[in-house]
C-alpha atoms as a PDB file:
ATOM      1  CA  MET A   1      -0.047  -0.115   0.005  1.00  0.00           C
ATOM      2  CA  ASP A   2       1.200   3.497  -0.818  1.00  0.00           C
ATOM      3  CA  ARG A   3       2.450   5.215   2.474  1.00  0.00           C
ATOM      4  CA  GLY A   4       0.915   8.505   1.340  1.00  0.00           C
ATOM      5  CA  ILE A   5      -2.431   6.967   1.046  1.00  0.00           C
ATOM      6  CA  ALA A   6      -2.292   5.208   4.364  1.00  0.00           C
ATOM      7  CA  ARG A   7      -1.347   8.474   6.084  1.00  0.00           C
ATOM      8  CA  SER A   8      -4.385  10.332   4.657  1.00  0.00           C
ATOM      9  CA  ALA A   9      -6.865   7.622   5.599  1.00  0.00           C
ATOM     10  CA  PRO A  10      -9.165   8.909   8.486  1.00  0.00           C
ATOM     11  CA  LEU A  11      -8.585   7.593  12.055  1.00  0.00           C
ATOM     12  CA  GLU A  12     -11.327   5.658  13.462  1.00  0.00           C
ATOM     13  CA  PHE A  13     -11.694   6.204  17.189  1.00  0.00           C
ATOM     14  CA  ARG A  14     -12.855   3.849  19.858  1.00  0.00           C
ATOM     15  CA  ARG A  15     -13.647   4.676  23.420  1.00  0.00           C
ATOM     16  CA  GLU A  16     -11.978   2.180  25.905  1.00  0.00           C
ATOM     17  CA  ALA A  17     -14.112   2.096  28.932  1.00  0.00           C
ATOM     18  CA  GLU A  18     -12.652  -0.711  31.069  1.00  0.00           C
ATOM     19  CA  PRO A  19      -9.009  -1.456  31.748  1.00  0.00           C
ATOM     20  CA  SER A  20      -9.740  -5.166  30.814  1.00  0.00           C
ATOM     21  CA  ASP A  21     -10.688  -3.938  27.292  1.00  0.00           C
ATOM     22  CA  LEU A  22      -7.423  -2.016  26.453  1.00  0.00           C
ATOM     23  CA  PRO A  23      -5.453  -3.399  23.494  1.00  0.00           C
ATOM     24  CA  PRO A  24      -1.717  -3.918  24.128  1.00  0.00           C
ATOM     25  CA  LEU A  25      -0.840  -0.146  23.874  1.00  0.00           C
ATOM     26  CA  GLY A  26       2.906  -0.679  24.395  1.00  0.00           C
ATOM     27  CA  ALA A  27       3.211  -2.985  21.360  1.00  0.00           C
ATOM     28  CA  ALA A  28       2.018  -0.245  18.887  1.00  0.00           C
ATOM     29  CA  ARG A  29       5.188   1.835  19.183  1.00  0.00           C
ATOM     30  CA  LEU A  30       3.402   5.199  19.506  1.00  0.00           C
ATOM     31  CA  SER A  31       5.936   6.846  21.736  1.00  0.00           C
ATOM     32  CA  ALA A  32       9.701   7.382  21.531  1.00  0.00           C
ATOM     33  CA  THR A  33       9.956   6.943  25.305  1.00  0.00           C
ATOM     34  CA  PHE A  34       6.869   5.889  27.005  1.00  0.00           C
ATOM     35  CA  ASP A  35       5.477   2.773  25.243  1.00  0.00           C
ATOM     36  CA  PRO A  36       6.235   0.554  28.253  1.00  0.00           C
ATOM     37  CA  PHE A  37       3.982   2.752  30.385  1.00  0.00           C
ATOM     38  CA  LEU A  38       1.135   3.467  28.085  1.00  0.00           C
ATOM     39  CA  SER A  39      -1.238   0.687  29.496  1.00  0.00           C
ATOM     40  CA  SER A  40      -0.601   2.007  33.084  1.00  0.00           C
ATOM     41  CA  PHE A  41      -1.343   5.576  32.049  1.00  0.00           C
ATOM     42  CA  ALA A  42      -4.658   4.399  30.499  1.00  0.00           C
ATOM     43  CA  ARG A  43      -5.658   2.584  33.691  1.00  0.00           C
ATOM     44  CA  GLN A  44      -4.839   5.599  35.829  1.00  0.00           C
ATOM     45  CA  VAL A  45      -7.015   7.884  33.485  1.00  0.00           C
ATOM     46  CA  ILE A  46      -9.903   5.415  33.597  1.00  0.00           C
ATOM     47  CA  ALA A  47      -9.568   5.202  37.457  1.00  0.00           C
ATOM     48  CA  VAL A  48      -9.978   8.859  37.932  1.00  0.00           C
ATOM     49  CA  GLY A  49     -13.016   9.061  35.634  1.00  0.00           C
ATOM     50  CA  GLY A  50     -11.195  10.254  32.506  1.00  0.00           C
ATOM     51  CA  GLU A  51     -11.326   8.965  28.896  1.00  0.00           C
ATOM     52  CA  VAL A  52      -9.292   6.756  26.909  1.00  0.00           C
ATOM     53  CA  GLU A  53      -9.684   6.659  23.113  1.00  0.00           C
ATOM     54  CA  THR A  54      -7.684   4.669  20.721  1.00  0.00           C
ATOM     55  CA  GLY A  55      -7.383   5.729  17.032  1.00  0.00           C
ATOM     56  CA  TRP A  56      -7.287   3.082  14.315  1.00  0.00           C
ATOM     57  CA  ARG A  57      -6.091   3.085  10.651  1.00  0.00           C
ATOM     58  CA  ASP A  58      -6.471   0.096   8.401  1.00  0.00           C
ATOM     59  CA  GLY A  59      -6.948  -2.073  11.490  1.00  0.00           C
ATOM     60  CA  ARG A  60      -3.645  -0.914  13.108  1.00  0.00           C
ATOM     61  CA  LEU A  61      -3.489   1.140  16.233  1.00  0.00           C
ATOM     62  CA  ALA A  62      -2.122   4.650  15.349  1.00  0.00           C
ATOM     63  CA  ALA A  63      -2.999   6.881  18.220  1.00  0.00           C
ATOM     64  CA  VAL A  64      -3.863   6.917  21.979  1.00  0.00           C
ATOM     65  CA  LEU A  65      -5.742   9.836  23.518  1.00  0.00           C
ATOM     66  CA  LEU A  66      -5.899  10.026  27.436  1.00  0.00           C
ATOM     67  CA  PHE A  67      -7.895  13.013  28.793  1.00  0.00           C
ATOM     68  CA  VAL A  68      -9.588  14.011  31.812  1.00  0.00           C
ATOM     69  CA  ARG A  69     -12.408  16.581  31.055  1.00  0.00           C
ATOM     70  CA  ALA A  70     -12.721  17.775  34.697  1.00  0.00           C
ATOM     71  CA  GLU A  71      -9.166  19.072  34.408  1.00  0.00           C
ATOM     72  CA  ARG A  72      -9.081  19.758  30.612  1.00  0.00           C
ATOM     73  CA  LEU A  73      -5.901  18.231  30.431  1.00  0.00           C
ATOM     74  CA  GLY A  74      -4.447  14.873  29.001  1.00  0.00           C
ATOM     75  CA  SER A  75      -1.788  13.182  26.757  1.00  0.00           C
ATOM     76  CA  ALA A  76      -1.663  12.023  23.195  1.00  0.00           C
ATOM     77  CA  PHE A  77       0.625   9.526  21.644  1.00  0.00           C
ATOM     78  CA  VAL A  78       0.609   9.049  17.790  1.00  0.00           C
ATOM     79  CA  ARG A  79       2.623   7.173  15.210  1.00  0.00           C
ATOM     80  CA  ASP A  80       2.240  10.009  12.688  1.00  0.00           C
ATOM     81  CA  PRO A  81       2.605  13.612  14.099  1.00  0.00           C
ATOM     82  CA  SER A  82       0.168  14.864  11.275  1.00  0.00           C
ATOM     83  CA  ASP A  83      -2.469  13.020  13.225  1.00  0.00           C
ATOM     84  CA  LEU A  84      -2.103  15.239  16.315  1.00  0.00           C
ATOM     85  CA  ASP A  85      -4.600  17.813  14.991  1.00  0.00           C
ATOM     86  CA  ARG A  86      -7.288  15.072  14.492  1.00  0.00           C
ATOM     87  CA  VAL A  87      -6.657  13.860  18.062  1.00  0.00           C
ATOM     88  CA  GLY A  88      -6.549  17.350  19.530  1.00  0.00           C
ATOM     89  CA  SER A  89      -9.825  18.319  18.022  1.00  0.00           C
ATOM     90  CA  ARG A  90     -11.510  15.704  20.128  1.00  0.00           C
ATOM     91  CA  ILE A  91     -10.736  17.431  23.262  1.00  0.00           C
ATOM     92  CA  ALA A  92     -10.893  21.095  22.227  1.00  0.00           C
ATOM     93  CA  PRO A  93     -10.835  23.182  24.284  1.00  0.00           C
ATOM     94  CA  GLY A  94      -8.168  21.612  26.315  1.00  0.00           C
ATOM     95  CA  GLU A  95      -4.555  20.783  26.594  1.00  0.00           C
ATOM     96  CA  LEU A  96      -2.523  17.793  25.868  1.00  0.00           C
ATOM     97  CA  TYR A  97       1.119  16.561  26.437  1.00  0.00           C
ATOM     98  CA  VAL A  98       2.564  15.381  23.283  1.00  0.00           C
ATOM     99  CA  GLU A  99       6.086  14.428  21.985  1.00  0.00           C
ATOM    100  CA  HIS A 100       6.011  16.528  19.071  1.00  0.00           C
ATOM    101  CA  SER A 101       6.477  20.379  18.680  1.00  0.00           C
ATOM    102  CA  VAL A 102       3.043  21.866  17.673  1.00  0.00           C
ATOM    103  CA  PRO A 103       1.502  25.302  17.691  1.00  0.00           C
ATOM    104  CA  ALA A 104       0.234  26.821  21.059  1.00  0.00           C
ATOM    105  CA  ILE A 105       2.854  25.336  23.283  1.00  0.00           C
ATOM    106  CA  ARG A 106       2.272  26.288  26.864  1.00  0.00           C
ATOM    107  CA  GLU A 107       4.984  24.365  28.509  1.00  0.00           C
ATOM    108  CA  THR A 108       8.196  22.468  27.466  1.00  0.00           C
ATOM    109  CA  LEU A 109       9.592  19.481  29.292  1.00  0.00           C
ATOM    110  CA  ASP A 110      13.092  17.861  28.984  1.00  0.00           C
ATOM    111  CA  VAL A 111      12.945  14.035  28.957  1.00  0.00           C
ATOM    112  CA  PHE A 112      15.990  12.295  30.729  1.00  0.00           C
ATOM    113  CA  ARG A 113      16.993   8.738  30.713  1.00  0.00           C
ATOM    114  CA  PHE A 114      19.148   7.135  33.626  1.00  0.00           C
ATOM    115  CA  ASP A 115      21.200   4.022  32.401  1.00  0.00           C
ATOM    116  CA  LEU A 116      21.291   1.828  35.671  1.00  0.00           C
ATOM    117  CA  GLU A 117      23.523  -0.724  33.870  1.00  0.00           C
ATOM    118  CA  ARG A 118      26.358   1.896  33.836  1.00  0.00           C
ATOM    119  CA  ALA A 119      28.129   3.527  36.787  1.00  0.00           C
ATOM    120  CA  ARG A 120      26.487   6.673  37.778  1.00  0.00           C
ATOM    121  CA  PRO A 121      27.034   9.351  40.580  1.00  0.00           C
ATOM    122  CA  ARG A 122      25.435   8.058  43.923  1.00  0.00           C
ATOM    123  CA  HIS A 123      23.994  10.614  46.305  1.00  0.00           C
ATOM    124  CA  PRO A 124      24.220   9.985  49.975  1.00  0.00           C
ATOM    125  CA  LEU A 125      20.851  10.177  51.594  1.00  0.00           C
ATOM    126  CA  ARG A 126      20.621  13.212  54.006  1.00  0.00           C
ATOM    127  CA  HIS A 127      17.124  12.315  55.186  1.00  0.00           C
ATOM    128  CA  PRO A 128      15.123   9.111  55.765  1.00  0.00           C
ATOM    129  CA  VAL A 129      13.203   7.941  52.765  1.00  0.00           C
ATOM    130  CA  ARG A 130      10.686   4.905  52.718  1.00  0.00           C
ATOM    131  CA  VAL A 131       8.312   3.293  50.643  1.00  0.00           C
ATOM    132  CA  ALA A 132       4.892   4.744  51.421  1.00  0.00           C
ATOM    133  CA  ASP A 133       1.653   2.844  51.818  1.00  0.00           C
ATOM    134  CA  ARG A 134      -2.028   3.796  51.849  1.00  0.00           C
ATOM    135  CA  ARG A 135      -1.800   5.073  55.496  1.00  0.00           C
ATOM    136  CA  ASP A 136       0.216   7.811  54.143  1.00  0.00           C
ATOM    137  CA  ALA A 137      -2.317   8.721  51.426  1.00  0.00           C
ATOM    138  CA  ASP A 138      -3.679  11.877  52.800  1.00  0.00           C
ATOM    139  CA  ALA A 139      -0.293  13.395  53.652  1.00  0.00           C
ATOM    140  CA  LEU A 140       1.092  12.611  50.117  1.00  0.00           C
ATOM    141  CA  SER A 141      -2.063  14.212  48.591  1.00  0.00           C
ATOM    142  CA  ARG A 142      -1.790  17.361  50.547  1.00  0.00           C
ATOM    143  CA  LEU A 143       1.923  17.735  49.401  1.00  0.00           C
ATOM    144  CA  ALA A 144       0.709  17.456  45.726  1.00  0.00           C
ATOM    145  CA  GLY A 145      -2.154  19.923  45.773  1.00  0.00           C
ATOM    146  CA  PRO A 146      -6.017  20.288  46.162  1.00  0.00           C
ATOM    147  CA  ALA A 147      -6.746  17.161  48.270  1.00  0.00           C
ATOM    148  CA  PRO A 148      -9.933  16.017  46.360  1.00  0.00           C
ATOM    149  CA  ILE A 149      -8.199  15.975  42.921  1.00  0.00           C
ATOM    150  CA  GLU A 150      -4.845  14.572  44.245  1.00  0.00           C
ATOM    151  CA  ARG A 151      -6.293  11.866  46.282  1.00  0.00           C
ATOM    152  CA  ARG A 152      -8.014  10.509  43.273  1.00  0.00           C
ATOM    153  CA  TRP A 153      -4.796  10.334  41.453  1.00  0.00           C
ATOM    154  CA  THR A 154      -2.841   8.902  44.467  1.00  0.00           C
ATOM    155  CA  ASP A 155      -5.371   6.149  44.617  1.00  0.00           C
ATOM    156  CA  ALA A 156      -5.181   5.568  40.888  1.00  0.00           C
ATOM    157  CA  LEU A 157      -1.396   5.351  41.006  1.00  0.00           C
ATOM    158  CA  TRP A 158      -1.472   2.676  43.609  1.00  0.00           C
ATOM    159  CA  GLU A 159      -4.226   0.830  41.989  1.00  0.00           C
ATOM    160  CA  SER A 160      -2.158   0.633  38.743  1.00  0.00           C
ATOM    161  CA  GLY A 161       0.933  -0.784  40.399  1.00  0.00           C
ATOM    162  CA  GLU A 162       3.000   2.434  41.056  1.00  0.00           C
ATOM    163  CA  THR A 163       5.029   2.821  44.262  1.00  0.00           C
ATOM    164  CA  ALA A 164       5.059   5.924  46.508  1.00  0.00           C
ATOM    165  CA  PHE A 165       8.021   7.255  48.317  1.00  0.00           C
ATOM    166  CA  ALA A 166       8.019   9.475  51.317  1.00  0.00           C
ATOM    167  CA  ALA A 167      10.914  11.519  52.868  1.00  0.00           C
ATOM    168  CA  GLU A 168      10.589  12.369  56.392  1.00  0.00           C
ATOM    169  CA  ILE A 169      12.144  14.930  58.856  1.00  0.00           C
ATOM    170  CA  GLU A 170      11.604  14.454  62.522  1.00  0.00           C
ATOM    171  CA  GLY A 171       8.859  11.935  61.686  1.00  0.00           C
ATOM    172  CA  THR A 172       7.051  14.347  59.468  1.00  0.00           C
ATOM    173  CA  ILE A 173       6.480  13.576  55.765  1.00  0.00           C
ATOM    174  CA  VAL A 174       7.916  16.586  53.904  1.00  0.00           C
ATOM    175  CA  GLY A 175       8.430  15.158  50.349  1.00  0.00           C
ATOM    176  CA  ALA A 176       6.760  12.609  48.218  1.00  0.00           C
ATOM    177  CA  ALA A 177       7.486  11.053  44.896  1.00  0.00           C
ATOM    178  CA  TRP A 178       6.543   8.086  42.563  1.00  0.00           C
ATOM    179  CA  GLY A 179       8.130   5.465  40.711  1.00  0.00           C
ATOM    180  CA  GLY A 180       6.951   2.620  38.374  1.00  0.00           C
ATOM    181  CA  ARG A 181       8.457  -0.345  36.469  1.00  0.00           C
ATOM    182  CA  ALA A 182       7.464  -2.210  33.291  1.00  0.00           C
ATOM    183  CA  GLY A 183       9.899  -4.959  32.796  1.00  0.00           C
ATOM    184  CA  ALA A 184      13.420  -3.485  32.446  1.00  0.00           C
ATOM    185  CA  PHE A 185      12.044   0.057  32.131  1.00  0.00           C
ATOM    186  CA  GLY A 186      11.447   2.419  34.990  1.00  0.00           C
ATOM    187  CA  ARG A 187       9.786   5.823  35.325  1.00  0.00           C
ATOM    188  CA  VAL A 188      10.080   8.413  38.146  1.00  0.00           C
ATOM    189  CA  HIS A 189       7.741  11.266  38.371  1.00  0.00           C
ATOM    190  CA  SER A 190       5.598  13.623  40.462  1.00  0.00           C
ATOM    191  CA  LEU A 191       8.061  14.885  43.004  1.00  0.00           C
ATOM    192  CA  TYR A 192       6.759  17.253  45.631  1.00  0.00           C
ATOM    193  CA  VAL A 193       8.540  18.856  48.639  1.00  0.00           C
ATOM    194  CA  HIS A 194       6.756  21.075  51.109  1.00  0.00           C
ATOM    195  CA  PRO A 195       7.966  24.605  50.594  1.00  0.00           C
ATOM    196  CA  ARG A 196       9.364  24.943  54.160  1.00  0.00           C
ATOM    197  CA  TYR A 197      11.760  21.928  53.512  1.00  0.00           C
ATOM    198  CA  ARG A 198      13.181  22.918  50.183  1.00  0.00           C
ATOM    199  CA  ARG A 199      16.909  23.500  49.556  1.00  0.00           C
ATOM    200  CA  LEU A 200      17.621  20.764  52.129  1.00  0.00           C
ATOM    201  CA  GLY A 201      18.417  17.933  49.784  1.00  0.00           C
ATOM    202  CA  VAL A 202      14.925  16.374  50.116  1.00  0.00           C
ATOM    203  CA  GLY A 203      14.408  16.247  46.339  1.00  0.00           C
ATOM    204  CA  ALA A 204      17.754  14.533  45.467  1.00  0.00           C
ATOM    205  CA  ASP A 205      17.068  11.883  48.421  1.00  0.00           C
ATOM    206  CA  LEU A 206      13.882  11.086  46.739  1.00  0.00           C
ATOM    207  CA  LEU A 207      15.404  10.693  43.466  1.00  0.00           C
ATOM    208  CA  GLU A 208      18.228   8.627  44.608  1.00  0.00           C
ATOM    209  CA  ALA A 209      16.035   6.421  46.657  1.00  0.00           C
ATOM    210  CA  ARG A 210      13.748   5.714  43.709  1.00  0.00           C
ATOM    211  CA  LEU A 211      16.651   4.868  41.469  1.00  0.00           C
ATOM    212  CA  ARG A 212      18.157   2.514  43.864  1.00  0.00           C
ATOM    213  CA  TRP A 213      14.692   0.785  44.350  1.00  0.00           C
ATOM    214  CA  LEU A 214      14.213   0.576  40.685  1.00  0.00           C
ATOM    215  CA  ARG A 215      17.586  -0.961  40.040  1.00  0.00           C
ATOM    216  CA  ALA A 216      17.076  -3.715  42.850  1.00  0.00           C
ATOM    217  CA  GLU A 217      13.551  -4.401  41.202  1.00  0.00           C
ATOM    218  CA  GLY A 218      15.102  -5.139  37.853  1.00  0.00           C
ATOM    219  CA  ALA A 219      14.949  -1.761  35.970  1.00  0.00           C
ATOM    220  CA  ARG A 220      17.833  -1.138  33.682  1.00  0.00           C
ATOM    221  CA  GLN A 221      16.657   2.176  32.151  1.00  0.00           C
ATOM    222  CA  VAL A 222      14.541   4.881  33.963  1.00  0.00           C
ATOM    223  CA  VAL A 223      13.034   7.796  32.365  1.00  0.00           C
ATOM    224  CA  THR A 224      11.687  11.033  33.772  1.00  0.00           C
ATOM    225  CA  GLU A 225      10.221  14.378  32.362  1.00  0.00           C
ATOM    226  CA  ILE A 226      10.908  17.819  33.876  1.00  0.00           C
ATOM    227  CA  ALA A 227       9.764  21.255  32.837  1.00  0.00           C
ATOM    228  CA  ILE A 228      12.604  23.301  31.435  1.00  0.00           C
ATOM    229  CA  ASP A 229      12.054  26.244  33.925  1.00  0.00           C
ATOM    230  CA  ASN A 230      12.236  23.914  36.851  1.00  0.00           C
ATOM    231  CA  ALA A 231      15.911  24.535  37.515  1.00  0.00           C
ATOM    232  CA  PRO A 232      16.264  22.824  40.924  1.00  0.00           C
ATOM    233  CA  SER A 233      14.853  19.516  39.505  1.00  0.00           C
ATOM    234  CA  LEU A 234      16.860  19.827  36.417  1.00  0.00           C
ATOM    235  CA  ALA A 235      20.078  20.127  38.440  1.00  0.00           C
ATOM    236  CA  ILE A 236      19.256  17.248  40.601  1.00  0.00           C
ATOM    237  CA  THR A 237      18.575  15.044  37.736  1.00  0.00           C
ATOM    238  CA  ARG A 238      21.816  15.846  35.858  1.00  0.00           C
ATOM    239  CA  HIS A 239      23.790  15.346  39.053  1.00  0.00           C
ATOM    240  CA  ALA A 240      22.327  11.942  39.511  1.00  0.00           C
ATOM    241  CA  GLY A 241      23.339  10.924  36.018  1.00  0.00           C
ATOM    242  CA  GLY A 242      20.238  11.667  33.876  1.00  0.00           C
ATOM    243  CA  ALA A 243      21.106  12.295  30.092  1.00  0.00           C
ATOM    244  CA  PRO A 244      18.710  14.224  27.969  1.00  0.00           C
ATOM    245  CA  ILE A 245      17.056  12.222  25.252  1.00  0.00           C
ATOM    246  CA  GLY A 246      14.093  14.346  23.884  1.00  0.00           C
ATOM    247  CA  ARG A 247      11.357  16.644  24.894  1.00  0.00           C
ATOM    248  CA  MET A 248       7.595  16.717  25.568  1.00  0.00           C
ATOM    249  CA  TYR A 249       5.291  19.824  25.176  1.00  0.00           C
ATOM    250  CA  ARG A 250       1.970  20.875  26.708  1.00  0.00           C
ATOM    251  CA  ALA A 251      -0.103  22.516  23.927  1.00  0.00           C
ATOM    252  CA  ARG A 252      -3.572  23.851  23.763  1.00  0.00           C
ATOM    253  CA  TRP A 253      -6.296  22.966  21.249  1.00  0.00           C
ATOM    254  CA  GLU A 254      -9.242  25.399  20.513  1.00  0.00           C
ATOM    255  CA  PRO A 255     -12.427  24.622  18.687  1.00  0.00           C
ATOM    256  CA  GLY A 256     -12.045  24.951  15.037  1.00  0.00           C
ATOM    257  CA  ALA A 257      -8.292  25.687  15.172  1.00  0.00           C
END
């Protein structure tokens, strides 16, 4: 089949209402970085009441749209960047994280990779860091933001198999972060430190603890994404051995645009 004809064929979208109905998203090779985690992302979005749509062309999975209408925010992963406008039109008005530069960019994030099979700088922990459990859910949610919204996401992350980490000072949780693994691939994300305890090395401790834990669990490569204006997190990531491998963008779609 002519590749130009294949690209111009319309996408046929399908709503995925239940985690058990999801096709093998990671096998579709829609993302340069996040293929191993797409199924987890989709389960999390469904758990918080969001929408998951898959786009198909000639019987082949070509796009995944994850969107939470209450937050007007989501993510889109596509094999062909020219499909992004078709996907974005389904959520307009709203914003999507995407891996391709598009108009109306609101935020740019650097994507980093840690190679755990090679030697990397090891950060000595200054503060206790432990794996958190459900008893810590309220404390973790309060660090992240508005409690009703963040508690939904906290529960969804746990239900999808993610692991939470808590940093403590004098018995008080002052920082929280998450990590997940899919086979040999890991991801670290969603780091929060209470404003009163910043600049004390808490963020570096949480990153180091998660990398050590993922290495022990069998991960060999770990990715993370950080906004380019988040200088403290960028510095911590580079110091811990993270190497930049690409970028993500948060962009806005408007009706009729």
